[in-house]
């Protein structure tokens, strides 16, 4: 079974010449099929939701840190 990257490389090789204009559409269609398959994978969905939550947490922490740094001047000596 070939990997995703290898399949895309094969398609790129086939698309040289007059068919080169069709390449983005072909790659997009393949990408959508893979995305749909990945969306059905429950474990991957859990990982994605965890990463989204951690990203939100990091963003909220950075915002609170910025507020603290504005209120306190660290340069006071």
PDB file of N, CA and C in Angstrom:
ATOM      1  N   UNK A   1       0.846  -1.195   0.000  1.00  0.00           N
ATOM      2  CA  UNK A   1       0.000   0.000   0.000  1.00  0.00           C
ATOM      3  C   UNK A   1       0.882   1.246   0.000  1.00  0.00           C
ATOM      4  N   UNK A   2       0.627   2.125  -0.923  1.00  0.00           N
ATOM      5  CA  UNK A   2       1.433   3.342  -1.034  1.00  0.00           C
ATOM      6  C   UNK A   2       0.991   4.372  -0.021  1.00  0.00           C
ATOM      7  N   UNK A   3       1.935   5.213   0.383  1.00  0.00           N
ATOM      8  CA  UNK A   3       1.610   6.312   1.289  1.00  0.00           C
ATOM      9  C   UNK A   3       0.932   7.438   0.541  1.00  0.00           C
ATOM     10  N   UNK A   4       0.377   8.342   1.284  1.00  0.00           N
ATOM     11  CA  UNK A   4      -0.342   9.478   0.703  1.00  0.00           C
ATOM     12  C   UNK A   4       0.599  10.329  -0.144  1.00  0.00           C
ATOM     13  N   UNK A   5       1.788  10.603   0.394  1.00  0.00           N
ATOM     14  CA  UNK A   5       2.739  11.454  -0.324  1.00  0.00           C
ATOM     15  C   UNK A   5       3.163  10.803  -1.634  1.00  0.00           C
ATOM     16  N   UNK A   6       3.373   9.483  -1.600  1.00  0.00           N
ATOM     17  CA  UNK A   6       3.775   8.796  -2.826  1.00  0.00           C
ATOM     18  C   UNK A   6       2.683   8.881  -3.878  1.00  0.00           C
ATOM     19  N   UNK A   7       1.426   8.710  -3.467  1.00  0.00           N
ATOM     20  CA  UNK A   7       0.314   8.797  -4.412  1.00  0.00           C
ATOM     21  C   UNK A   7       0.246  10.186  -5.032  1.00  0.00           C
ATOM     22  N   UNK A   8       0.429  11.209  -4.210  1.00  0.00           N
ATOM     23  CA  UNK A   8       0.374  12.572  -4.733  1.00  0.00           C
ATOM     24  C   UNK A   8       1.535  12.825  -5.688  1.00  0.00           C
ATOM     25  N   UNK A   9       2.713  12.254  -5.385  1.00  0.00           N
ATOM     26  CA  UNK A   9       3.854  12.407  -6.285  1.00  0.00           C
ATOM     27  C   UNK A   9       3.564  11.736  -7.621  1.00  0.00           C
ATOM     28  N   UNK A  10       2.954  10.536  -7.582  1.00  0.00           N
ATOM     29  CA  UNK A  10       2.604   9.840  -8.814  1.00  0.00           C
ATOM     30  C   UNK A  10       1.650  10.688  -9.652  1.00  0.00           C
ATOM     31  N   UNK A  11       0.680  11.290  -9.004  1.00  0.00           N
ATOM     32  CA  UNK A  11      -0.292  12.122  -9.712  1.00  0.00           C
ATOM     33  C   UNK A  11       0.405  13.337 -10.316  1.00  0.00           C
ATOM     34  N   UNK A  12       1.341  13.923  -9.571  1.00  0.00           N
ATOM     35  CA  UNK A  12       2.067  15.081 -10.091  1.00  0.00           C
ATOM     36  C   UNK A  12       2.868  14.694 -11.326  1.00  0.00           C
ATOM     37  N   UNK A  13       3.481  13.499 -11.301  1.00  0.00           N
ATOM     38  CA  UNK A  13       4.250  13.037 -12.456  1.00  0.00           C
ATOM     39  C   UNK A  13       3.337  12.863 -13.667  1.00  0.00           C
ATOM     40  N   UNK A  14       2.149  12.285 -13.443  1.00  0.00           N
ATOM     41  CA  UNK A  14       1.203  12.072 -14.535  1.00  0.00           C
ATOM     42  C   UNK A  14       0.679  13.396 -15.084  1.00  0.00           C
ATOM     43  N   UNK A  15       0.661  14.413 -14.262  1.00  0.00           N
ATOM     44  CA  UNK A  15       0.038  15.679 -14.644  1.00  0.00           C
ATOM     45  C   UNK A  15       0.973  16.607 -15.409  1.00  0.00           C
ATOM     46  N   UNK A  16       2.202  16.183 -15.648  1.00  0.00           N
ATOM     47  CA  UNK A  16       3.105  17.049 -16.417  1.00  0.00           C
ATOM     48  C   UNK A  16       2.592  17.146 -17.848  1.00  0.00           C
ATOM     49  N   UNK A  17       2.701  18.335 -18.401  1.00  0.00           N
ATOM     50  CA  UNK A  17       2.233  18.524 -19.763  1.00  0.00           C
ATOM     51  C   UNK A  17       0.880  19.214 -19.792  1.00  0.00           C
ATOM     52  N   UNK A  18       0.047  18.911 -20.810  1.00  0.00           N
ATOM     53  CA  UNK A  18      -1.225  19.621 -20.958  1.00  0.00           C
ATOM     54  C   UNK A  18      -2.205  19.361 -19.812  1.00  0.00           C
ATOM     55  N   UNK A  19      -2.053  18.250 -19.114  1.00  0.00           N
ATOM     56  CA  UNK A  19      -2.984  17.929 -18.025  1.00  0.00           C
ATOM     57  C   UNK A  19      -2.609  18.635 -16.727  1.00  0.00           C
ATOM     58  N   UNK A  20      -1.553  19.431 -16.767  1.00  0.00           N
ATOM     59  CA  UNK A  20      -1.066  20.073 -15.544  1.00  0.00           C
ATOM     60  C   UNK A  20      -2.118  20.993 -14.922  1.00  0.00           C
ATOM     61  N   UNK A  21      -2.991  21.543 -15.727  1.00  0.00           N
ATOM     62  CA  UNK A  21      -4.031  22.442 -15.214  1.00  0.00           C
ATOM     63  C   UNK A  21      -5.050  21.694 -14.357  1.00  0.00           C
ATOM     64  N   UNK A  22      -5.169  20.386 -14.574  1.00  0.00           N
ATOM     65  CA  UNK A  22      -6.134  19.600 -13.805  1.00  0.00           C
ATOM     66  C   UNK A  22      -5.586  19.193 -12.447  1.00  0.00           C
ATOM     67  N   UNK A  23      -4.294  19.340 -12.235  1.00  0.00           N
ATOM     68  CA  UNK A  23      -3.650  18.846 -11.013  1.00  0.00           C
ATOM     69  C   UNK A  23      -4.275  19.381  -9.729  1.00  0.00           C
ATOM     70  N   UNK A  24      -4.465  20.704  -9.576  1.00  0.00           N
ATOM     71  CA  UNK A  24      -5.045  21.182  -8.309  1.00  0.00           C
ATOM     72  C   UNK A  24      -6.402  20.561  -8.004  1.00  0.00           C
ATOM     73  N   UNK A  25      -7.235  20.387  -9.036  1.00  0.00           N
ATOM     74  CA  UNK A  25      -8.554  19.781  -8.827  1.00  0.00           C
ATOM     75  C   UNK A  25      -8.409  18.335  -8.377  1.00  0.00           C
ATOM     76  N   UNK A  26      -7.458  17.609  -8.999  1.00  0.00           N
ATOM     77  CA  UNK A  26      -7.244  16.207  -8.640  1.00  0.00           C
ATOM     78  C   UNK A  26      -6.751  16.101  -7.200  1.00  0.00           C
ATOM     79  N   UNK A  27      -5.787  16.936  -6.853  1.00  0.00           N
ATOM     80  CA  UNK A  27      -5.244  16.900  -5.493  1.00  0.00           C
ATOM     81  C   UNK A  27      -6.306  17.302  -4.475  1.00  0.00           C
ATOM     82  N   UNK A  28      -7.134  18.278  -4.835  1.00  0.00           N
ATOM     83  CA  UNK A  28      -8.191  18.724  -3.925  1.00  0.00           C
ATOM     84  C   UNK A  28      -9.192  17.592  -3.683  1.00  0.00           C
ATOM     85  N   UNK A  29      -9.549  16.876  -4.746  1.00  0.00           N
ATOM     86  CA  UNK A  29     -10.494  15.764  -4.610  1.00  0.00           C
ATOM     87  C   UNK A  29      -9.914  14.671  -3.720  1.00  0.00           C
ATOM     88  N   UNK A  30      -8.633  14.364  -3.922  1.00  0.00           N
ATOM     89  CA  UNK A  30      -7.974  13.356  -3.089  1.00  0.00           C
ATOM     90  C   UNK A  30      -7.923  13.837  -1.647  1.00  0.00           C
ATOM     91  N   UNK A  31      -7.596  15.104  -1.455  1.00  0.00           N
ATOM     92  CA  UNK A  31      -7.530  15.666  -0.109  1.00  0.00           C
ATOM     93  C   UNK A  31      -8.875  15.593   0.596  1.00  0.00           C
ATOM     94  N   UNK A  32      -9.959  15.851  -0.142  1.00  0.00           N
ATOM     95  CA  UNK A  32     -11.290  15.799   0.462  1.00  0.00           C
ATOM     96  C   UNK A  32     -11.654  14.374   0.860  1.00  0.00           C
ATOM     97  N   UNK A  33     -11.262  13.397   0.015  1.00  0.00           N
ATOM     98  CA  UNK A  33     -11.540  11.996   0.353  1.00  0.00           C
ATOM     99  C   UNK A  33     -10.781  11.601   1.613  1.00  0.00           C
ATOM    100  N   UNK A  34      -9.512  12.015   1.690  1.00  0.00           N
ATOM    101  CA  UNK A  34      -8.705  11.678   2.860  1.00  0.00           C
ATOM    102  C   UNK A  34      -9.246  12.379   4.095  1.00  0.00           C
ATOM    103  N   UNK A  35      -9.664  13.624   3.942  1.00  0.00           N
ATOM    104  CA  UNK A  35     -10.203  14.378   5.070  1.00  0.00           C
ATOM    105  C   UNK A  35     -11.467  13.698   5.599  1.00  0.00           C
ATOM    106  N   UNK A  36     -12.312  13.244   4.691  1.00  0.00           N
ATOM    107  CA  UNK A  36     -13.539  12.560   5.105  1.00  0.00           C
ATOM    108  C   UNK A  36     -13.203  11.280   5.861  1.00  0.00           C
ATOM    109  N   UNK A  37     -12.216  10.530   5.366  1.00  0.00           N
ATOM    110  CA  UNK A  37     -11.808   9.293   6.043  1.00  0.00           C
ATOM    111  C   UNK A  37     -11.242   9.601   7.425  1.00  0.00           C
ATOM    112  N   UNK A  38     -10.473  10.678   7.518  1.00  0.00           N
ATOM    113  CA  UNK A  38      -9.889  11.045   8.811  1.00  0.00           C
ATOM    114  C   UNK A  38     -10.960  11.512   9.789  1.00  0.00           C
ATOM    115  N   UNK A  39     -11.974  12.199   9.279  1.00  0.00           N
ATOM    116  CA  UNK A  39     -13.040  12.685  10.149  1.00  0.00           C
ATOM    117  C   UNK A  39     -13.826  11.530  10.756  1.00  0.00           C
ATOM    118  N   UNK A  40     -13.861  10.401  10.056  1.00  0.00           N
ATOM    119  CA  UNK A  40     -14.578   9.240  10.565  1.00  0.00           C
ATOM    120  C   UNK A  40     -13.765   8.495  11.618  1.00  0.00           C
ATOM    121  N   UNK A  41     -12.471   8.772  11.693  1.00  0.00           N
ATOM    122  CA  UNK A  41     -11.599   8.104  12.657  1.00  0.00           C
ATOM    123  C   UNK A  41     -11.798   8.737  14.033  1.00  0.00           C
ATOM    124  N   UNK A  42     -12.355   7.969  14.954  1.00  0.00           N
ATOM    125  CA  UNK A  42     -12.719   8.502  16.279  1.00  0.00           C
ATOM    126  C   UNK A  42     -11.497   8.899  17.100  1.00  0.00           C
ATOM    127  N   UNK A  43     -10.440   8.088  17.058  1.00  0.00           N
ATOM    128  CA  UNK A  43      -9.242   8.392  17.854  1.00  0.00           C
ATOM    129  C   UNK A  43      -8.649   9.714  17.398  1.00  0.00           C
ATOM    130  N   UNK A  44      -8.585   9.898  16.086  1.00  0.00           N
ATOM    131  CA  UNK A  44      -8.038  11.146  15.556  1.00  0.00           C
ATOM    132  C   UNK A  44      -8.911  12.320  15.970  1.00  0.00           C
ATOM    133  N   UNK A  45     -10.224  12.131  15.972  1.00  0.00           N
ATOM    134  CA  UNK A  45     -11.125  13.201  16.392  1.00  0.00           C
ATOM    135  C   UNK A  45     -10.859  13.610  17.831  1.00  0.00           C
ATOM    136  N   UNK A  46     -10.615  12.617  18.694  1.00  0.00           N
ATOM    137  CA  UNK A  46     -10.321  12.928  20.090  1.00  0.00           C
ATOM    138  C   UNK A  46      -9.021  13.713  20.197  1.00  0.00           C
ATOM    139  N   UNK A  47      -8.009  13.319  19.420  1.00  0.00           N
ATOM    140  CA  UNK A  47      -6.727  14.025  19.456  1.00  0.00           C
ATOM    141  C   UNK A  47      -6.896  15.463  18.981  1.00  0.00           C
ATOM    142  N   UNK A  48      -7.692  15.648  17.929  1.00  0.00           N
ATOM    143  CA  UNK A  48      -7.923  16.993  17.401  1.00  0.00           C
ATOM    144  C   UNK A  48      -8.629  17.855  18.439  1.00  0.00           C
ATOM    145  N   UNK A  49      -9.634  17.296  19.111  1.00  0.00           N
ATOM    146  CA  UNK A  49     -10.361  18.084  20.111  1.00  0.00           C
ATOM    147  C   UNK A  49      -9.455  18.437  21.284  1.00  0.00           C
ATOM    148  N   UNK A  50      -8.577  17.508  21.677  1.00  0.00           N
ATOM    149  CA  UNK A  50      -7.635  17.799  22.764  1.00  0.00           C
ATOM    150  C   UNK A  50      -6.682  18.909  22.344  1.00  0.00           C
ATOM    151  N   UNK A  51      -6.183  18.839  21.112  1.00  0.00           N
ATOM    152  CA  UNK A  51      -5.249  19.871  20.662  1.00  0.00           C
ATOM    153  C   UNK A  51      -5.941  21.230  20.559  1.00  0.00           C
ATOM    154  N   UNK A  52      -7.213  21.242  20.155  1.00  0.00           N
ATOM    155  CA  UNK A  52      -7.951  22.508  20.088  1.00  0.00           C
ATOM    156  C   UNK A  52      -8.126  23.100  21.481  1.00  0.00           C
ATOM    157  N   UNK A  53      -8.470  22.220  22.447  1.00  0.00           N
ATOM    158  CA  UNK A  53      -8.656  22.707  23.818  1.00  0.00           C
ATOM    159  C   UNK A  53      -7.345  23.227  24.393  1.00  0.00           C
ATOM    160  N   UNK A  54      -6.254  22.523  24.117  1.00  0.00           N
ATOM    161  CA  UNK A  54      -4.969  22.988  24.652  1.00  0.00           C
ATOM    162  C   UNK A  54      -4.570  24.307  23.996  1.00  0.00           C
ATOM    163  N   UNK A  55      -4.885  24.459  22.713  1.00  0.00           N
ATOM    164  CA  UNK A  55      -4.586  25.719  22.030  1.00  0.00           C
ATOM    165  C   UNK A  55      -5.388  26.859  22.657  1.00  0.00           C
ATOM    166  N   UNK A  56      -6.657  26.604  22.930  1.00  0.00           N
ATOM    167  CA  UNK A  56      -7.495  27.632  23.559  1.00  0.00           C
ATOM    168  C   UNK A  56      -6.951  27.992  24.934  1.00  0.00           C
ATOM    169  N   UNK A  57      -6.507  26.984  25.678  1.00  0.00           N
ATOM    170  CA  UNK A  57      -5.960  27.223  27.016  1.00  0.00           C
ATOM    171  C   UNK A  57      -4.693  28.071  26.926  1.00  0.00           C
ATOM    172  N   UNK A  58      -3.816  27.726  25.972  1.00  0.00           N
ATOM    173  CA  UNK A  58      -2.572  28.485  25.794  1.00  0.00           C
ATOM    174  C   UNK A  58      -2.881  29.928  25.422  1.00  0.00           C
ATOM    175  N   UNK A  59      -3.860  30.124  24.530  1.00  0.00           N
ATOM    176  CA  UNK A  59      -4.225  31.481  24.121  1.00  0.00           C
ATOM    177  C   UNK A  59      -4.772  32.270  25.313  1.00  0.00           C
ATOM    178  N   UNK A  60      -5.595  31.641  26.131  1.00  0.00           N
ATOM    179  CA  UNK A  60      -6.151  32.354  27.286  1.00  0.00           C
ATOM    180  C   UNK A  60      -5.051  32.688  28.285  1.00  0.00           C
ATOM    181  N   UNK A  61      -4.093  31.777  28.461  1.00  0.00           N
ATOM    182  CA  UNK A  61      -2.988  32.039  29.383  1.00  0.00           C
ATOM    183  C   UNK A  61      -2.126  33.190  28.873  1.00  0.00           C
ATOM    184  N   UNK A  62      -1.872  33.209  27.573  1.00  0.00           N
ATOM    185  CA  UNK A  62      -1.039  34.285  27.028  1.00  0.00           C
ATOM    186  C   UNK A  62      -1.749  35.631  27.155  1.00  0.00           C
ATOM    187  N   UNK A  63      -3.072  35.642  26.990  1.00  0.00           N
ATOM    188  CA  UNK A  63      -3.825  36.893  27.149  1.00  0.00           C
ATOM    189  C   UNK A  63      -3.754  37.384  28.588  1.00  0.00           C
ATOM    190  N   UNK A  64      -3.909  36.458  29.541  1.00  0.00           N
ATOM    191  CA  UNK A  64      -3.856  36.874  30.948  1.00  0.00           C
ATOM    192  C   UNK A  64      -2.452  37.341  31.308  1.00  0.00           C
ATOM    193  N   UNK A  65      -1.434  36.706  30.727  1.00  0.00           N
ATOM    194  CA  UNK A  65      -0.061  37.135  30.996  1.00  0.00           C
ATOM    195  C   UNK A  65       0.182  38.535  30.442  1.00  0.00           C
ATOM    196  N   UNK A  66      -0.352  38.806  29.254  1.00  0.00           N
ATOM    197  CA  UNK A  66      -0.196  40.143  28.672  1.00  0.00           C
ATOM    198  C   UNK A  66      -0.862  41.194  29.548  1.00  0.00           C
ATOM    199  N   UNK A  67      -2.036  40.867  30.092  1.00  0.00           N
ATOM    200  CA  UNK A  67      -2.726  41.807  30.978  1.00  0.00           C
ATOM    201  C   UNK A  67      -1.893  42.072  32.224  1.00  0.00           C
ATOM    202  N   UNK A  68      -1.304  41.007  32.787  1.00  0.00           N
ATOM    203  CA  UNK A  68      -0.474  41.172  33.981  1.00  0.00           C
ATOM    204  C   UNK A  68       0.751  42.014  33.679  1.00  0.00           C
ATOM    205  N   UNK A  69       1.376  41.750  32.532  1.00  0.00           N
ATOM    206  CA  UNK A  69       2.597  42.480  32.206  1.00  0.00           C
ATOM    207  C   UNK A  69       2.312  43.957  31.947  1.00  0.00           C
ATOM    208  N   UNK A  70       1.096  44.259  31.475  1.00  0.00           N
ATOM    209  CA  UNK A  70       0.741  45.666  31.277  1.00  0.00           C
ATOM    210  C   UNK A  70       0.472  46.345  32.617  1.00  0.00           C
ATOM    211  N   UNK A  71      -0.154  45.610  33.535  1.00  0.00           N
ATOM    212  CA  UNK A  71      -0.490  46.215  34.821  1.00  0.00           C
ATOM    213  C   UNK A  71       0.743  46.370  35.711  1.00  0.00           C
ATOM    214  N   UNK A  72       1.635  45.405  35.654  1.00  0.00           N
ATOM    215  CA  UNK A  72       2.864  45.492  36.456  1.00  0.00           C
ATOM    216  C   UNK A  72       4.007  45.869  35.527  1.00  0.00           C
ATOM    217  N   UNK A  73       4.808  46.793  35.946  1.00  0.00           N
ATOM    218  CA  UNK A  73       5.987  47.093  35.137  1.00  0.00           C
ATOM    219  C   UNK A  73       7.149  46.308  35.715  1.00  0.00           C
ATOM    220  N   UNK A  74       7.713  45.473  34.874  1.00  0.00           N
ATOM    221  CA  UNK A  74       8.815  44.632  35.318  1.00  0.00           C
ATOM    222  C   UNK A  74      10.123  45.410  35.392  1.00  0.00           C
ATOM    223  N   UNK A  75      10.117  46.617  34.897  1.00  0.00           N
ATOM    224  CA  UNK A  75      11.351  47.403  34.837  1.00  0.00           C
ATOM    225  C   UNK A  75      11.658  48.137  36.140  1.00  0.00           C
ATOM    226  N   UNK A  76      10.772  48.083  37.095  1.00  0.00           N
ATOM    227  CA  UNK A  76      11.011  48.806  38.353  1.00  0.00           C
ATOM    228  C   UNK A  76      12.180  48.177  39.102  1.00  0.00           C
ATOM    229  N   UNK A  77      13.138  49.028  39.493  1.00  0.00           N
ATOM    230  CA  UNK A  77      14.301  48.512  40.219  1.00  0.00           C
ATOM    231  C   UNK A  77      14.531  49.326  41.446  1.00  0.00           C
TER     232      UNK A  77
END
